[in-house]
Amino acid sequence: MIVLDFISAIFVLLGAFLCLTAAISLVRFPDVLGKLHAITKPQVLGLIAISTGVTLGVRTWWAFSVMVLIIMFQLLTSPVSASMVARGSYRSGIIPSRNLQLDHLAEDLEEVDDRDDSALNLLSKSKPRT
């Protein structure tokens, strides 16, 4: 029991340290992409470590089931939200293209714009029904 309490404390401290590094990186990094990369990884790992530590400390099935749900939802939502923030930042011009080595999103956006233009041309050429 004492060993599990010690391991639990180590996990909680590790998770707290990872969350602290994510908070510091939010202040220290200058651009959106650097902040996103530095925030999402340690924050997710920190939450997993804290949840694992609390579960080891409590030692109940209820705590284990809550930990599994927390980790599952965090792993599902964190990459999606980071991707949406990065995509919105790119489309609004906050992320300069000179910072990118590969720019696949520009190609995708051009393809979508071409499709939208062709759809508008088709709509403008069609005659209204009477």
C-alpha atoms as a PDB file:
ATOM      1  CA  MET A   1       0.000   0.000   0.000  1.00  0.00           C
ATOM      2  CA  ILE A   2       2.788   2.441   0.822  1.00  0.00           C
ATOM      3  CA  VAL A   3       4.464   1.627  -2.492  1.00  0.00           C
ATOM      4  CA  LEU A   4       1.257   2.422  -4.416  1.00  0.00           C
ATOM      5  CA  ASP A   5       0.902   5.706  -2.523  1.00  0.00           C
ATOM      6  CA  PHE A   6       4.492   6.606  -3.413  1.00  0.00           C
ATOM      7  CA  ILE A   7       3.955   5.718  -7.085  1.00  0.00           C
ATOM      8  CA  SER A   8       0.702   7.702  -7.019  1.00  0.00           C
ATOM      9  CA  ALA A   9       2.520  10.763  -5.662  1.00  0.00           C
ATOM     10  CA  ILE A  10       5.224  10.416  -8.321  1.00  0.00           C
ATOM     11  CA  PHE A  11       2.598  10.321 -11.096  1.00  0.00           C
ATOM     12  CA  VAL A  12       0.771  13.368  -9.713  1.00  0.00           C
ATOM     13  CA  LEU A  13       4.013  15.341  -9.384  1.00  0.00           C
ATOM     14  CA  LEU A  14       5.099  14.339 -12.884  1.00  0.00           C
ATOM     15  CA  GLY A  15       1.727  15.386 -14.278  1.00  0.00           C
ATOM     16  CA  ALA A  16       1.849  18.690 -12.433  1.00  0.00           C
ATOM     17  CA  PHE A  17       5.338  19.341 -13.803  1.00  0.00           C
ATOM     18  CA  LEU A  18       4.193  18.580 -17.356  1.00  0.00           C
ATOM     19  CA  CYS A  19       1.192  20.904 -16.987  1.00  0.00           C
ATOM     20  CA  LEU A  20       3.512  23.597 -15.624  1.00  0.00           C
ATOM     21  CA  THR A  21       5.804  23.265 -18.646  1.00  0.00           C
ATOM     22  CA  ALA A  22       2.765  23.615 -20.917  1.00  0.00           C
ATOM     23  CA  ALA A  23       1.765  26.814 -19.114  1.00  0.00           C
ATOM     24  CA  ILE A  24       5.290  28.232 -19.314  1.00  0.00           C
ATOM     25  CA  SER A  25       5.513  27.419 -23.015  1.00  0.00           C
ATOM     26  CA  LEU A  26       2.254  29.272 -23.599  1.00  0.00           C
ATOM     27  CA  VAL A  27       3.941  32.425 -22.347  1.00  0.00           C
ATOM     28  CA  ARG A  28       7.401  31.850 -23.795  1.00  0.00           C
ATOM     29  CA  PHE A  29       6.854  30.759 -27.402  1.00  0.00           C
ATOM     30  CA  PRO A  30       6.249  33.541 -29.913  1.00  0.00           C
ATOM     31  CA  ASP A  31       4.034  32.002 -32.613  1.00  0.00           C
ATOM     32  CA  VAL A  32       0.821  30.022 -32.727  1.00  0.00           C
ATOM     33  CA  LEU A  33       2.291  26.799 -34.105  1.00  0.00           C
ATOM     34  CA  GLY A  34       5.047  26.685 -31.503  1.00  0.00           C
ATOM     35  CA  LYS A  35       2.557  27.313 -28.737  1.00  0.00           C
ATOM     36  CA  LEU A  36       0.185  24.635 -30.014  1.00  0.00           C
ATOM     37  CA  HIS A  37       2.930  22.055 -30.258  1.00  0.00           C
ATOM     38  CA  ALA A  38       4.330  22.895 -26.848  1.00  0.00           C
ATOM     39  CA  ILE A  39       0.939  23.044 -25.151  1.00  0.00           C
ATOM     40  CA  THR A  40      -0.891  19.993 -26.454  1.00  0.00           C
ATOM     41  CA  LYS A  41       1.729  17.319 -25.856  1.00  0.00           C
ATOM     42  CA  PRO A  42       2.736  17.999 -22.220  1.00  0.00           C
ATOM     43  CA  GLN A  43      -0.790  18.983 -21.255  1.00  0.00           C
ATOM     44  CA  VAL A  44      -2.255  15.685 -22.458  1.00  0.00           C
ATOM     45  CA  LEU A  45       0.550  13.656 -20.906  1.00  0.00           C
ATOM     46  CA  GLY A  46       0.246  15.669 -17.686  1.00  0.00           C
ATOM     47  CA  LEU A  47      -3.473  15.006 -17.456  1.00  0.00           C
ATOM     48  CA  ILE A  48      -2.905  11.294 -18.086  1.00  0.00           C
ATOM     49  CA  ALA A  49      -0.212  11.169 -15.394  1.00  0.00           C
ATOM     50  CA  ILE A  50      -2.365  13.035 -12.855  1.00  0.00           C
ATOM     51  CA  SER A  51      -5.374  10.815 -13.598  1.00  0.00           C
ATOM     52  CA  THR A  52      -3.245   7.695 -13.243  1.00  0.00           C
ATOM     53  CA  GLY A  53      -1.795   8.951  -9.965  1.00  0.00           C
ATOM     54  CA  VAL A  54      -5.191   9.760  -8.510  1.00  0.00           C
ATOM     55  CA  THR A  55      -6.533   6.367  -9.595  1.00  0.00           C
ATOM     56  CA  LEU A  56      -3.608   4.585  -7.977  1.00  0.00           C
ATOM     57  CA  GLY A  57      -4.152   6.601  -4.812  1.00  0.00           C
ATOM     58  CA  VAL A  58      -7.906   6.006  -4.595  1.00  0.00           C
ATOM     59  CA  ARG A  59      -7.828   2.354  -5.777  1.00  0.00           C
ATOM     60  CA  THR A  60     -11.497   1.929  -6.729  1.00  0.00           C
ATOM     61  CA  TRP A  61     -13.210   0.745  -9.897  1.00  0.00           C
ATOM     62  CA  TRP A  62     -15.174   3.961  -9.980  1.00  0.00           C
ATOM     63  CA  ALA A  63     -11.968   6.038 -10.085  1.00  0.00           C
ATOM     64  CA  PHE A  64     -10.553   3.756 -12.769  1.00  0.00           C
ATOM     65  CA  SER A  65     -13.639   4.142 -14.963  1.00  0.00           C
ATOM     66  CA  VAL A  66     -13.578   7.926 -14.576  1.00  0.00           C
ATOM     67  CA  MET A  67      -9.850   7.947 -15.431  1.00  0.00           C
ATOM     68  CA  VAL A  68     -10.480   5.942 -18.598  1.00  0.00           C
ATOM     69  CA  LEU A  69     -13.234   8.356 -19.659  1.00  0.00           C
ATOM     70  CA  ILE A  70     -11.063  11.412 -18.939  1.00  0.00           C
ATOM     71  CA  ILE A  71      -8.146  10.034 -20.912  1.00  0.00           C
ATOM     72  CA  MET A  72     -10.349   8.883 -23.783  1.00  0.00           C
ATOM     73  CA  PHE A  73     -12.067  12.251 -24.175  1.00  0.00           C
ATOM     74  CA  GLN A  74      -8.786  14.126 -23.822  1.00  0.00           C
ATOM     75  CA  LEU A  75      -7.131  12.021 -26.522  1.00  0.00           C
ATOM     76  CA  LEU A  76     -10.138  12.513 -28.792  1.00  0.00           C
ATOM     77  CA  THR A  77     -10.612  16.253 -28.351  1.00  0.00           C
ATOM     78  CA  SER A  78      -7.121  17.692 -27.913  1.00  0.00           C
ATOM     79  CA  PRO A  79      -5.786  16.911 -31.415  1.00  0.00           C
ATOM     80  CA  VAL A  80      -9.011  18.070 -33.042  1.00  0.00           C
ATOM     81  CA  SER A  81      -9.100  21.365 -31.159  1.00  0.00           C
ATOM     82  CA  ALA A  82      -5.406  22.023 -31.840  1.00  0.00           C
ATOM     83  CA  SER A  83      -5.967  21.310 -35.515  1.00  0.00           C
ATOM     84  CA  MET A  84      -8.921  23.690 -35.647  1.00  0.00           C
ATOM     85  CA  VAL A  85      -6.957  26.456 -33.896  1.00  0.00           C
ATOM     86  CA  ALA A  86      -4.036  25.976 -36.299  1.00  0.00           C
ATOM     87  CA  ARG A  87      -6.330  25.918 -39.319  1.00  0.00           C
ATOM     88  CA  GLY A  88      -8.186  29.040 -38.193  1.00  0.00           C
ATOM     89  CA  SER A  89      -4.910  30.819 -37.489  1.00  0.00           C
ATOM     90  CA  TYR A  90      -3.602  29.903 -40.928  1.00  0.00           C
ATOM     91  CA  ARG A  91      -6.744  31.040 -42.718  1.00  0.00           C
ATOM     92  CA  SER A  92      -6.824  34.344 -40.833  1.00  0.00           C
ATOM     93  CA  GLY A  93      -3.202  35.077 -41.769  1.00  0.00           C
ATOM     94  CA  ILE A  94      -1.670  34.817 -38.291  1.00  0.00           C
ATOM     95  CA  ILE A  95       0.700  32.069 -39.456  1.00  0.00           C
ATOM     96  CA  PRO A  96       3.051  33.361 -42.165  1.00  0.00           C
ATOM     97  CA  SER A  97       3.749  30.911 -44.974  1.00  0.00           C
ATOM     98  CA  ARG A  98       7.494  31.514 -44.690  1.00  0.00           C
ATOM     99  CA  ASN A  99       7.435  29.594 -41.384  1.00  0.00           C
ATOM    100  CA  LEU A 100       6.132  26.444 -43.092  1.00  0.00           C
ATOM    101  CA  GLN A 101       8.299  23.875 -44.826  1.00  0.00           C
ATOM    102  CA  LEU A 102       5.311  22.160 -46.467  1.00  0.00           C
ATOM    103  CA  ASP A 103       2.057  23.955 -47.081  1.00  0.00           C
ATOM    104  CA  HIS A 104      -0.565  21.348 -47.930  1.00  0.00           C
ATOM    105  CA  LEU A 105      -3.402  23.495 -46.664  1.00  0.00           C
ATOM    106  CA  ALA A 106      -2.777  26.144 -49.335  1.00  0.00           C
ATOM    107  CA  GLU A 107      -3.236  23.516 -52.050  1.00  0.00           C
ATOM    108  CA  ASP A 108      -6.456  22.283 -50.431  1.00  0.00           C
ATOM    109  CA  LEU A 109      -7.821  25.804 -50.082  1.00  0.00           C
ATOM    110  CA  GLU A 110      -7.034  26.601 -53.717  1.00  0.00           C
ATOM    111  CA  GLU A 111      -8.854  23.440 -54.788  1.00  0.00           C
ATOM    112  CA  VAL A 112     -11.898  24.400 -52.712  1.00  0.00           C
ATOM    113  CA  ASP A 113     -11.862  27.949 -54.113  1.00  0.00           C
ATOM    114  CA  ASP A 114     -11.720  26.564 -57.663  1.00  0.00           C
ATOM    115  CA  ARG A 115     -14.710  24.314 -56.955  1.00  0.00           C
ATOM    116  CA  ASP A 116     -16.632  27.212 -55.412  1.00  0.00           C
ATOM    117  CA  ASP A 117     -15.880  29.433 -58.424  1.00  0.00           C
ATOM    118  CA  SER A 118     -17.033  26.768 -60.880  1.00  0.00           C
ATOM    119  CA  ALA A 119     -20.210  26.198 -58.888  1.00  0.00           C
ATOM    120  CA  LEU A 120     -20.932  29.934 -58.873  1.00  0.00           C
ATOM    121  CA  ASN A 121     -20.347  30.094 -62.646  1.00  0.00           C
ATOM    122  CA  LEU A 122     -22.793  27.256 -63.206  1.00  0.00           C
ATOM    123  CA  LEU A 123     -25.400  28.932 -61.023  1.00  0.00           C
ATOM    124  CA  SER A 124     -25.017  32.275 -62.772  1.00  0.00           C
ATOM    125  CA  LYS A 125     -25.330  30.703 -66.245  1.00  0.00           C
ATOM    126  CA  SER A 126     -28.464  28.747 -65.469  1.00  0.00           C
ATOM    127  CA  LYS A 127     -31.763  30.384 -66.258  1.00  0.00           C
ATOM    128  CA  PRO A 128     -34.401  30.647 -63.576  1.00  0.00           C
ATOM    129  CA  ARG A 129     -37.452  28.441 -64.052  1.00  0.00           C
ATOM    130  CA  THR A 130     -40.783  30.112 -64.756  1.00  0.00           C
END
